[in-house]
Every structure is written in C-alpha cells, then in structure tokens.
Protein backbone atom coordinates (compact mmCIF):
# COMPACT_ATOMS: atom_id res chain seq x y z
CA MET A 1 90.00 15.42 33.28
CA ALA A 2 93.61 14.57 32.56
CA THR A 3 94.89 15.61 35.98
CA ALA A 4 92.50 13.31 37.84
CA PHE A 5 94.11 10.13 36.59
CA SER A 6 97.31 11.08 34.77
CA SER A 7 99.83 13.47 36.21
CA ASP A 8 103.57 13.87 36.48
CA GLY A 9 103.31 14.07 40.27
CA GLU A 10 104.46 17.69 40.47
CA ALA A 11 101.42 18.73 42.49
CA ALA A 12 102.11 16.03 45.08
CA LEU A 13 105.77 17.01 45.32
CA ARG A 14 104.92 20.68 45.85
CA ARG A 15 102.13 20.05 48.37
CA GLU A 16 103.02 21.53 51.75
CA LEU A 17 102.49 19.24 54.73
CA ARG A 18 102.08 20.79 58.13
CA PRO A 19 101.94 19.03 61.51
CA GLY A 20 98.58 18.92 63.21
CA PRO A 21 95.18 17.34 62.78
CA GLY A 22 93.64 16.62 59.38
CA PRO A 23 90.52 18.25 57.92
CA ALA A 24 88.05 16.07 59.82
CA ALA A 25 90.03 15.84 63.05
CA ALA A 26 90.36 19.63 63.17
CA ARG A 27 86.58 19.94 63.14
CA GLY A 28 86.21 17.33 65.87
CA ALA A 29 84.15 15.26 63.46
CA LEU A 30 86.42 12.24 63.09
CA ASP A 31 83.86 9.69 64.32
CA GLY A 32 81.03 11.00 62.17
CA PHE A 33 82.98 11.81 59.03
CA TYR A 34 84.76 8.44 58.88
CA GLU A 35 81.93 6.39 60.45
CA MET A 36 84.30 4.80 62.94
CA GLY A 37 81.62 2.62 64.52
CA ARG A 38 80.52 1.06 61.23
CA ALA A 39 84.13 0.50 60.15
CA ALA A 40 85.06 -1.14 63.47
CA ALA A 41 82.02 -3.42 63.28
CA PHE A 42 83.04 -4.48 59.76
CA VAL A 43 86.53 -5.45 60.95
CA ARG A 44 85.33 -7.27 64.08
CA ASP A 45 82.50 -9.15 62.34
CA GLY A 46 84.84 -10.31 59.59
CA GLY A 47 87.54 -11.44 62.02
CA PHE A 48 90.22 -9.57 60.05
CA ARG A 49 93.63 -9.28 61.70
CA LYS A 50 95.29 -6.98 59.16
CA VAL A 51 93.36 -4.30 57.27
CA ALA A 52 94.51 -1.83 54.63
CA LEU A 53 93.25 1.76 54.87
CA GLN A 54 93.11 3.54 51.52
CA PHE A 55 92.84 7.34 51.59
CA PRO A 56 92.83 9.89 48.75
CA ASP A 57 95.51 12.56 48.92
CA GLU A 58 93.23 15.19 50.43
CA LEU A 59 92.38 12.95 53.43
CA LEU A 60 95.83 11.52 54.16
CA ALA A 61 96.36 14.02 56.98
CA ASP A 62 93.70 12.17 59.01
CA ALA A 63 95.09 8.71 58.22
CA ALA A 64 97.34 8.29 61.28
CA GLU A 65 94.60 9.28 63.74
CA VAL A 66 92.01 7.07 62.03
CA ALA A 67 94.39 4.09 62.01
CA ALA A 68 95.24 4.56 65.70
CA GLN A 69 91.59 4.69 66.74
CA MET A 70 90.71 1.71 64.57
CA GLU A 71 93.50 -0.38 66.08
CA ALA A 72 92.34 0.53 69.58
CA ALA A 73 88.72 -0.33 68.76
CA THR A 74 89.33 -3.61 66.91
CA GLY A 75 92.73 -4.98 67.99
CA ALA A 76 93.59 -5.50 64.32
CA GLU A 77 96.69 -4.15 62.61
CA MET A 78 96.00 -1.22 60.29
CA TYR A 79 98.17 -0.55 57.25
CA ILE A 80 97.86 2.85 55.53
CA LEU A 81 98.21 2.83 51.74
CA GLY A 82 100.15 6.03 51.11
CA ASP A 83 99.80 5.93 47.32
CA THR A 84 97.56 4.18 44.82
CA THR A 85 98.64 2.12 41.84
CA TYR A 86 96.09 3.83 39.60
CA GLY A 87 93.13 6.14 40.37
CA SER A 88 92.21 6.72 44.02
CA CYS A 89 88.52 6.12 43.25
CA CYS A 90 89.27 2.41 42.67
CA VAL A 91 90.08 -0.06 45.44
CA ASP A 92 93.81 -0.78 45.26
CA GLU A 93 93.84 -4.52 45.84
CA VAL A 94 97.41 -4.79 44.54
CA ALA A 95 98.89 -2.53 47.22
CA ALA A 96 96.69 -4.17 49.87
CA GLU A 97 97.94 -7.64 48.92
CA HIS A 98 101.54 -6.42 49.08
CA ALA A 99 100.87 -5.53 52.71
CA GLY A 100 99.24 -8.89 53.36
CA ALA A 101 95.88 -7.28 54.17
CA GLU A 102 92.77 -9.40 54.57
CA ALA A 103 90.32 -6.56 53.85
CA VAL A 104 90.27 -2.94 52.66
CA LEU A 105 88.63 0.14 54.12
CA HIS A 106 88.28 2.57 51.19
CA TYR A 107 87.81 6.20 52.23
CA GLY A 108 86.65 9.13 50.12
CA PRO A 109 84.98 9.31 46.69
CA ALA A 110 84.68 5.99 44.89
CA CYS A 111 83.66 4.76 41.44
CA LEU A 112 82.11 1.66 43.11
CA SER A 113 83.58 -0.72 40.54
CA PRO A 114 83.34 -4.33 41.77
CA CYS A 115 86.57 -5.94 42.99
CA ARG A 116 87.85 -9.45 42.50
CA LYS A 117 89.35 -10.73 45.75
CA LEU A 118 89.34 -8.80 49.02
CA PRO A 119 86.32 -7.77 51.13
CA VAL A 120 85.85 -4.00 50.92
CA LEU A 121 83.95 -1.43 52.96
CA HIS A 122 83.40 1.98 51.36
CA ILE A 123 83.34 4.99 53.66
CA PHE A 124 82.72 8.02 51.51
CA GLY A 125 83.08 10.75 54.13
CA GLN A 126 79.94 12.65 54.98
CA GLN A 127 80.37 16.08 53.46
CA PRO A 128 77.89 18.72 54.69
CA LEU A 129 74.89 19.57 52.49
CA ASP A 130 72.42 22.43 52.91
CA VAL A 131 69.30 20.36 52.22
CA ARG A 132 66.95 23.34 52.38
CA ARG A 133 68.94 25.30 49.79
CA CYS A 134 69.23 22.20 47.59
CA ALA A 135 65.44 21.75 47.67
CA GLU A 136 64.96 25.39 46.74
CA ALA A 137 67.34 25.07 43.79
CA PHE A 138 65.48 21.96 42.64
CA GLN A 139 62.15 23.81 42.67
CA GLU A 140 63.65 26.68 40.70
CA LEU A 141 64.97 24.31 38.05
CA TYR A 142 61.79 22.21 37.85
CA PRO A 143 58.75 24.46 38.34
CA ASP A 144 56.45 21.78 36.87
CA GLN A 145 55.66 19.51 39.80
CA GLN A 146 54.63 16.67 37.46
CA SER A 147 58.15 16.39 36.04
CA HIS A 148 59.76 12.95 35.93
CA VAL A 149 63.14 13.55 37.58
CA VAL A 150 65.82 11.11 38.78
CA VAL A 151 67.99 12.49 41.59
CA LEU A 152 71.63 11.38 41.52
CA SER A 153 74.33 12.41 43.95
CA ASP A 154 78.03 12.26 44.52
CA VAL A 155 78.74 9.52 47.03
CA VAL A 156 79.94 12.01 49.65
CA TYR A 157 76.42 13.48 49.80
CA ALA A 158 74.52 10.20 49.77
CA HIS A 159 73.95 10.41 53.55
CA ALA A 160 71.73 13.50 53.09
CA MET A 161 69.53 12.17 50.29
CA GLY A 162 66.97 10.78 52.75
CA GLU A 163 66.31 14.25 54.18
CA LEU A 164 66.10 15.75 50.70
CA GLU A 165 63.64 13.04 49.68
CA LYS A 166 61.37 13.93 52.63
CA GLN A 167 61.23 17.55 51.48
CA LEU A 168 60.66 16.94 47.76
CA CYS A 169 58.51 13.82 47.51
CA PRO A 170 55.34 15.48 48.88
CA LEU A 171 55.66 18.16 46.18
CA TYR A 172 56.85 16.04 43.24
CA PRO A 173 54.94 12.74 42.89
CA ASN A 174 57.08 11.57 39.96
CA ILE A 175 60.50 12.15 41.52
CA VAL A 176 62.82 9.14 41.94
CA PHE A 177 65.89 9.00 44.22
CA SER A 178 68.74 6.70 43.26
CA ARG A 179 70.39 4.45 45.83
CA VAL A 180 74.14 3.99 46.16
CA VAL A 181 74.96 0.29 45.77
CA TRP A 182 78.21 -1.60 45.41
CA GLY A 183 78.78 -4.70 43.34
CA ASP A 184 76.75 -6.37 40.67
CA PRO A 185 72.96 -6.88 40.96
CA PRO A 186 72.01 -10.14 42.69
CA GLY A 187 70.09 -11.35 39.64
CA PRO A 188 68.66 -10.26 36.27
CA THR A 189 67.45 -6.67 36.33
CA SER A 190 64.11 -5.47 35.02
CA PRO A 191 63.97 -3.28 31.88
CA ARG A 192 62.28 -0.69 34.11
CA GLU A 193 65.23 -0.66 36.50
CA VAL A 194 68.69 0.87 36.11
CA TRP A 195 71.66 -0.62 38.00
CA GLN A 196 74.78 1.13 36.78
CA PHE A 197 77.86 2.96 38.10
CA GLY A 198 76.98 2.05 41.67
CA ARG A 199 73.51 3.62 41.35
CA GLN A 200 70.17 1.82 41.35
CA PHE A 201 66.80 3.39 40.59
CA PRO A 202 63.48 2.44 38.95
CA VAL A 203 62.31 4.05 35.72
CA GLU A 204 58.74 5.18 36.16
CA ALA A 205 58.31 7.51 33.16
CA PRO A 206 55.92 6.11 30.51
CA GLY A 207 58.47 6.51 27.72
CA GLY A 208 61.37 5.05 29.69
CA LEU A 209 64.59 6.72 30.71
CA GLN A 210 64.60 9.13 27.77
CA ASP A 211 61.52 10.85 29.23
CA CYS A 212 63.31 11.52 32.53
CA ALA A 213 65.38 14.50 33.58
CA MET A 214 68.46 14.07 35.79
CA PHE A 215 69.28 16.20 38.85
CA TYR A 216 72.80 15.71 40.19
CA VAL A 217 73.92 16.80 43.68
CA GLY A 218 77.65 17.37 43.62
CA ALA A 219 80.43 19.36 42.01
CA GLU A 220 81.39 19.18 38.38
CA GLY A 221 83.77 16.28 37.77
CA LEU A 222 84.36 12.88 36.24
CA ALA A 223 81.27 11.31 37.80
CA LEU A 224 78.93 13.89 36.29
CA THR A 225 80.66 13.71 32.91
CA ASN A 226 80.31 9.93 32.94
CA PHE A 227 76.59 10.16 33.73
CA MET A 228 75.97 12.77 31.03
CA LEU A 229 77.72 10.81 28.29
CA THR A 230 76.04 7.54 29.23
CA TRP A 231 72.52 8.96 29.63
CA ASN A 232 72.93 11.56 26.89
CA CYS A 233 69.22 11.41 26.00
CA CYS A 234 68.32 12.99 29.36
CA PRO A 235 68.58 16.72 30.20
CA PHE A 236 70.81 17.31 33.22
CA SER A 237 70.77 19.86 36.00
CA SER A 238 73.03 20.02 39.03
CA PHE A 239 73.43 21.58 42.46
CA ASP A 240 76.92 22.36 43.74
CA PRO A 241 76.92 22.17 47.57
CA ALA A 242 80.13 24.19 47.79
CA THR A 243 78.61 27.24 46.09
CA GLY A 244 74.94 26.62 46.91
CA CYS A 245 74.00 27.23 43.27
CA GLY A 246 71.89 25.12 40.93
CA ARG A 247 72.19 25.24 37.17
CA ARG A 248 71.18 23.52 33.98
CA GLU A 249 74.19 21.71 32.62
CA THR A 250 75.16 23.54 29.46
CA LEU A 251 77.95 21.15 28.52
CA ASN A 252 77.28 20.29 24.90
CA VAL A 253 77.13 16.53 25.13
CA ASN A 254 76.89 16.21 21.36
CA ARG A 255 80.10 18.19 21.03
CA ALA A 256 81.80 15.86 23.51
CA LEU A 257 80.47 12.87 21.57
CA MET A 258 81.77 14.36 18.33
CA ARG A 259 85.22 14.49 19.90
CA ARG A 260 84.93 10.87 20.98
CA LEU A 261 83.70 9.79 17.52
CA TYR A 262 86.67 11.59 15.98
CA LEU A 263 88.89 9.37 18.13
CA VAL A 264 87.03 6.35 16.71
CA GLU A 265 88.17 7.42 13.25
CA ARG A 266 91.73 7.73 14.53
CA ALA A 267 91.45 4.18 15.88
CA ARG A 268 90.28 2.93 12.45
CA ASP A 269 93.38 4.45 10.85
CA ALA A 270 95.79 3.10 13.47
CA ARG A 271 98.00 0.14 12.66
CA VAL A 272 99.76 -0.26 16.02
CA VAL A 273 97.66 -0.06 19.20
CA GLY A 274 98.93 0.10 22.76
CA ILE A 275 96.59 -1.44 25.36
CA LEU A 276 97.10 0.54 28.58
CA VAL A 277 96.39 -1.37 31.79
CA GLY A 278 94.66 1.26 33.95
CA THR A 279 93.37 -1.08 36.67
CA LEU A 280 94.41 -4.29 38.39
CA GLY A 281 91.46 -4.47 40.74
CA VAL A 282 88.24 -4.03 38.75
CA ALA A 283 86.61 -7.40 38.09
CA GLY A 284 86.87 -8.55 34.47
CA TYR A 285 89.92 -6.53 33.47
CA LEU A 286 91.87 -9.63 32.38
CA ALA A 287 88.94 -10.79 30.25
CA VAL A 288 88.66 -7.45 28.48
CA LEU A 289 92.42 -7.38 27.83
CA GLN A 290 92.15 -10.71 26.07
CA HIS A 291 89.03 -9.53 24.24
CA LEU A 292 90.81 -6.43 22.94
CA ARG A 293 93.86 -8.42 21.83
CA GLU A 294 91.68 -10.78 19.82
CA LEU A 295 89.68 -7.90 18.38
CA LEU A 296 92.82 -6.11 17.21
CA ARG A 297 94.33 -9.30 15.82
CA ARG A 298 91.19 -10.01 13.80
CA ALA A 299 91.23 -6.41 12.57
CA GLY A 300 94.78 -6.83 11.28
CA LYS A 301 96.33 -4.43 13.79
CA ARG A 302 99.42 -5.04 15.91
CA SER A 303 98.89 -4.62 19.66
CA TYR A 304 101.08 -4.30 22.73
CA THR A 305 100.00 -4.48 26.36
CA LEU A 306 101.56 -1.71 28.45
CA ALA A 307 101.56 -1.52 32.24
CA VAL A 308 103.06 1.87 33.09
CA GLY A 309 101.10 2.78 36.23
CA LYS A 310 99.33 6.12 36.06
CA PRO A 311 99.66 7.27 32.43
CA ASN A 312 100.99 10.71 31.67
CA PRO A 313 102.26 12.37 28.46
CA ALA A 314 105.94 11.85 29.32
CA LYS A 315 105.55 8.11 29.84
CA LEU A 316 103.52 7.42 26.70
CA ALA A 317 105.77 9.58 24.51
CA ASN A 318 108.38 6.80 24.80
CA PHE A 319 106.30 4.52 22.58
CA LEU A 320 106.82 6.26 19.26
CA GLU A 321 105.70 3.28 17.20
CA VAL A 322 102.22 3.20 18.76
CA ASP A 323 99.56 5.05 16.74
CA ILE A 324 96.83 5.10 19.39
CA PHE A 325 96.27 3.84 22.94
CA VAL A 326 93.21 2.17 24.46
CA LEU A 327 92.82 2.58 28.23
CA VAL A 328 91.33 -0.25 30.30
CA ALA A 329 90.20 1.46 33.51
CA CYS A 330 87.11 2.03 35.61
CA ALA A 331 84.16 3.87 34.10
CA GLN A 332 85.19 7.25 35.50
CA ASN A 333 88.87 7.11 34.56
CA SER A 334 88.26 5.71 31.06
CA LEU A 335 87.23 9.16 29.78
CA LEU A 336 90.77 10.49 29.83
CA ASP A 337 91.33 13.80 28.06
CA SER A 338 94.23 12.99 25.74
CA SER A 339 94.67 16.46 24.24
CA GLU A 340 98.03 16.82 26.03
CA PHE A 341 99.31 13.42 24.90
CA TYR A 342 101.46 12.69 21.88
CA ARG A 343 99.02 10.00 20.75
CA PRO A 344 95.25 9.89 21.40
CA ILE A 345 93.70 7.59 24.01
CA VAL A 346 90.38 5.84 23.40
CA THR A 347 88.07 3.67 25.50
CA PRO A 348 87.43 -0.05 24.86
CA TYR A 349 83.96 0.84 23.52
CA GLU A 350 85.43 3.29 21.01
CA LEU A 351 87.93 0.67 19.88
CA GLU A 352 85.04 -1.75 19.34
CA LEU A 353 83.24 0.82 17.22
CA ALA A 354 86.39 1.15 15.13
CA CYS A 355 87.31 -2.53 14.74
CA ASN A 356 84.07 -4.54 15.01
CA PRO A 357 82.00 -4.10 11.81
CA ALA A 358 78.97 -5.61 13.54
CA ARG A 359 78.82 -2.89 16.18
CA GLU A 360 76.99 0.25 15.10
CA TRP A 361 76.60 3.60 16.79
CA THR A 362 73.16 3.68 18.41
CA GLY A 363 73.48 6.88 20.42
CA ASN A 364 74.17 4.97 23.64
CA TYR A 365 77.67 5.54 24.97
CA LEU A 366 79.26 2.82 27.11
CA THR A 367 82.02 3.58 29.61
CA ASP A 368 81.99 0.30 31.58
CA PHE A 369 84.22 -2.16 29.72
CA ARG A 370 82.43 -5.13 31.29
CA ASP A 371 79.40 -4.37 29.11
CA LEU A 372 81.45 -5.46 26.08
CA LEU A 373 82.36 -8.94 27.32
CA PRO A 374 80.56 -12.12 26.18
CA GLY A 375 77.35 -12.59 28.12
CA ALA A 376 77.00 -8.88 28.92
CA CYS A 377 74.07 -6.74 27.85
CA ALA A 378 75.96 -4.88 25.11
CA HIS A 379 78.19 -7.67 23.76
CA VAL A 380 78.31 -7.94 19.96
CA GLU A 381 79.89 -10.98 18.33
CA LEU A 382 82.49 -10.48 15.64
CA PRO A 383 81.10 -11.30 12.18
CA PRO A 384 82.70 -14.05 10.07
CA ALA A 385 85.84 -13.12 8.21
CA ILE A 386 85.61 -12.50 4.48
CA PRO A 387 88.38 -12.85 1.88
CA ALA A 388 90.42 -9.74 1.23
CA ALA A 389 89.35 -9.75 -2.42
CA GLU A 390 85.71 -9.40 -1.42
CA ALA A 391 86.29 -6.67 1.18
CA VAL A 392 84.70 -3.30 0.50
CA PRO A 393 87.31 -0.53 0.72
CA ASP A 394 86.69 2.39 2.99
CA ILE A 395 87.93 5.99 2.89
CA SER A 396 89.48 7.54 5.99
CA LEU A 397 87.65 10.70 7.03
CA ILE A 398 90.89 12.09 8.46
CA THR A 399 93.61 11.31 5.92
CA GLY A 400 91.44 10.73 2.84
CA GLU A 401 93.34 7.52 2.12
CA MET A 402 91.78 4.17 1.29
CA ARG A 403 91.71 1.50 3.98
CA THR A 404 90.28 -1.99 4.37
CA THR A 405 87.70 -2.76 7.04
CA HIS A 406 87.42 -6.56 6.76
CA LEU A 407 88.34 -8.96 9.54
CA CYS A 408 91.20 -11.39 9.20
CA ASP A 409 90.69 -15.13 9.47
CA SER A 410 91.09 -16.25 13.10
CA SER A 411 93.42 -19.04 11.98
CA ALA A 412 95.72 -16.69 10.11
CA PRO A 413 99.23 -16.19 11.51
CA LEU A 414 100.01 -13.11 13.52
CA LEU A 415 101.72 -10.10 11.98
CA PRO A 416 105.53 -10.16 12.17
CA PRO A 417 106.84 -8.57 15.34
CA SER A 418 108.09 -5.01 15.33
CA THR A 419 111.81 -4.31 15.51
CA ALA A 420 111.34 -1.42 17.95
CA LEU A 421 109.01 -3.09 20.46
CA ALA A 422 109.76 -6.67 21.49
CA CYS A 423 107.19 -9.16 22.85
CA ARG A 424 108.19 -10.96 26.02
CA ASP A 425 105.78 -13.92 25.96
CA GLN A 426 102.54 -15.22 24.46
CA THR A 427 100.54 -12.54 26.27
CA ARG A 428 102.39 -9.98 24.11
CA ALA A 429 103.54 -7.96 27.10
CA LEU A 430 106.06 -5.26 26.33
CA ALA A 431 109.69 -6.10 27.05
CA GLU A 432 111.36 -2.80 26.16
CA ILE A 433 109.86 0.18 27.97
CA SER A 434 111.37 2.90 25.75
CA PRO A 435 113.72 3.54 22.83
CA ALA A 436 116.23 4.83 25.40
CA ALA A 437 116.29 1.39 27.02
CA SER A 438 117.04 -0.25 23.67
CA PHE A 439 119.91 2.17 23.11
CA LEU A 440 121.41 1.49 26.53
CA GLU A 441 121.19 -2.26 25.97
CA SER A 442 123.55 -1.92 23.00
CA ARG A 443 126.26 -0.18 25.04
CA SER A 444 129.02 -2.09 26.79
CA TRP A 445 129.02 0.31 29.78
CA ARG A 446 125.59 0.98 31.33
CA GLY A 447 126.34 2.92 34.51
CA LEU A 448 128.06 2.62 37.85
CA GLU A 449 129.30 -0.91 38.53
CA GLN A 450 129.96 -2.02 42.11
CA GLN A 451 133.10 -4.12 41.45
CA LEU A 452 133.13 -5.29 45.06
CA GLY A 453 136.64 -6.13 46.30
CA GLN A 454 138.30 -4.88 43.11
CA THR A 455 138.67 -1.17 43.90
CA PRO A 456 141.40 -0.22 46.42
CA VAL A 457 140.29 1.80 49.43
CA SER A 458 141.69 5.32 49.47
CA LYS A 459 141.59 7.99 52.14
CA ALA A 460 139.17 10.83 51.55
CA VAL A 461 140.84 14.18 50.88
CA GLN A 462 139.40 17.66 50.85
CA GLY A 463 138.72 18.97 47.36
CA ARG A 464 138.19 22.42 45.96
CA ARG A 465 135.68 24.75 47.57
CA GLY A 466 133.43 27.28 45.90
CA ILE A 467 131.57 27.28 42.61
CA ALA A 468 132.90 26.22 39.24
CA ILE A 469 133.22 29.76 37.92
CA ALA A 470 135.49 30.85 40.79
CA TYR A 471 136.99 28.30 43.19
CA GLU A 472 138.48 29.73 46.38
CA ASP A 473 142.04 28.69 45.55
CA GLU A 474 142.02 29.98 41.98
CA GLY A 475 144.55 32.74 41.28
CA HIS A 476 146.77 31.75 44.24
CA GLU A 477 148.61 28.79 42.73
CA GLN A 478 152.25 29.24 41.68
CA PRO A 479 153.06 28.54 38.03
C-alpha cells in the first residue's frame, strides 16, 4: 500500500517510454475506452474554453492522442496534467488551477471524493470483463440462492455491471448491485441505504448490513482494503478479471485492525504530532485540519502542519522531533502502510480515538475524514476539560509508563514553541523543512552566488583530459 501513494519516484524515472500509440490507441479502442463522445458533450454543454486532462501514469501514453481528438471535437484548449500533486485517484484541482482550467476530465481509477471548486467528469476507462465467467465464479462462491449479497466493483468495471445483473438477478432474488455515484447525496439518506465511497445501494437484509455478504469485482488493492476495513462485519469474496478467478478474501481483517489499534496507542504516547496534508482538492480538508489542530491542542500535544507533497520515508525522516504523523487524504490513500517510515502514520479517525476521551471503539472503522467533522454522522464532541488534579492516570500499553488522558482547558495558553521546528504564522505551518535547512541558515556561505558584474570575464582554456587516477599528461611533465 505504501507504493500507491508514497514513493521516491524511482519507478517513474526508470520507466521506459517508447514512441507509438498508447494501450487503448493500439487496440483501436480509443473512442470506447475513453468515452470520447460523452467527454466532448460535457465540454460543449458547459461552454468550457480550457480543460485539464488528468491521466494516471499507465495511461499517459494515450494522452496526446486523446487531447488532439478532444480539441478537434470541441474547439476548446486541452491541457494535460503530466503529474499529480498527491494521489492520482483524486482530482488535482491545484494543478488544474495553475493551468487556468475551467473544468477537469479525470481519467482512470478514482476514489470519487467530492471536490470543492471545478466541474469534473470522471471517465474510468472501460476495462474488459468476462461476464459469463464472473457469474460462474459468483455461483461457486454462493451456492445458496437465498443469500443476501451486495455486489461492488472497481470503477473500471462498472460499465459491465448491468450485464452481470441480468444474469444473476433471476437466480438470486436477494442480490443487490451498487451504483457508482459521485458527490454527496442530495439529501438525508435512509438508514436502509448506504451512500459511501462513491457507491450507493439499499440494504434489504432483515438484520441490516451485518447480515449481508460482499462480492467485489476487481483486483486486490486499496479500494478493496478500504471496503473490508469499513464494512468489517461482512464476509467478503472477490473476482479478479485479470486472472478469471474468484476467491473468499482470507485477509484477516481483525489482524489489520489490531495493527491500526496499535497505532492508536502510539498516538496516545506521542507528544509532537505532524499533520500531513495529503490532499488539496477533497472538500472539507481545511475544516479537518483545523479540527485536528484543536483536538491536539486540547490533548496537550504540540502539532505542526506539513505540506511535503507525496510523503515518502526520506522526506518524513527530516522531522526528527515529530513522534507520529496523521495523514489527511482521501479514504483510499489514508490507509498508508507506514512500516517503512521512521515514524508511524495514522488516520484522522485513529487520532480521534487516541485524543478524544468521548470517542470509543465500536467496531466500525472510519476512513473518510469528513465523517468526523461537526454535523457529520460520526462526529463526537469533545467532553469538558477537567483539572489536572482530578485526572485519572493511564498506563501506556507500549512503554508501560504513566500518562495523563485529560483534556486541557480551551482557554489555556499554547505550549511553548519547539527550538527545532519554527512556526511561521497563526496556522502553525512549518517554516523549517529539515534540520539540514537550519544548519545551512547558520552559515555565512550557502552556495553559488551570482555576483553579476563583479567577476571578470576570462577566456576558456582546455583542461586536463582523462580520469582522476591517470590523466593523459601525467608522467610527461618536466620537473
């Protein structure tokens, strides 16, 4: 999971690019795969004159051909986003605004997190699916035709769910197919309806969602992991279209939850927390940043807000004073595997479990940070502060040391600033990006200085030739 969102970029640097058509253009399926007609209608109906095209790395080879055909069909200027600020599953509104785009066409897999500003059209790319084999795998996994099953799919296979539904619904009267939706529900949702992670489906089982099984069409990845952690009361099965095999998901969800709950204990022990900005486009990210700052302040912890782009171990190792990081990102990218990092990384929900005494573990895992905000379904108010003398001490399950779990008074002054990390303004944004930067600031000479007009111009002369161990003219000079 770490390589999906955090990487040192080595894979991109080593990727070999060859001239010629991309994966869809080579198959002659450009119009169908990228839904050129629907995309052109979106641009023309909106009257957009400049549109940003966002591709994941694996589809960039088709970008030039898609942009050329879109410009010819719409008359609008197309701007290809060659890289994303954060994860490619999120709409990169920041890069689109830098190009002055009025709308975004997002291609490839998407987390379907709602955006804040620009109109967006998602074009997932219609990957082929053997519907007959998928139906056979479903029947092998669920021989009882009265089973209550919810069918989920990766967005790239959503186009084939209608055909699969025609084959399975006559045999399974209690089967439910989810719909891919984008954005928030138009109004309050029913308790018998789920609208989450860009999926909407009714719950028809008598005992609710916990009495349903989940069947996922797609390869193993972040989307499936997110579904399994969130709906951990439901047994999961999956069908991988690439291999044509169905299986019962044997991933021990409880084991994964134990790992996440261990990170909650690490967050309780932490004194300095780094808030990692992992998105600038998902709606509500500014509100949750402020919410986390206030939560940490009330818990007596020092916090710093860090905007470092795509996090990787090398970047975060610069912040030696930080005990733990909390990542504010979309639901899929929040579950970052931090085993390779110098300090652990938790989600906003895990930080709430650690710092909000009123929030208790109920068995329901939340990956969407918007659920924690005031007015959301899972928001829990902070309890009133109590004096330190009346606080009940707690024992760390990791270090065995005693710690306090009470909340500080909201009117109490902030903790004194650190000497290693400096705050730039009232938003407590980080001014120094690394200890190396602090060291260089103390030196009188910091690198090459231009000194325009002060250095005399000299004629270039030929220097020594060869390698340092044996220059060509060595051994021939007279003493």
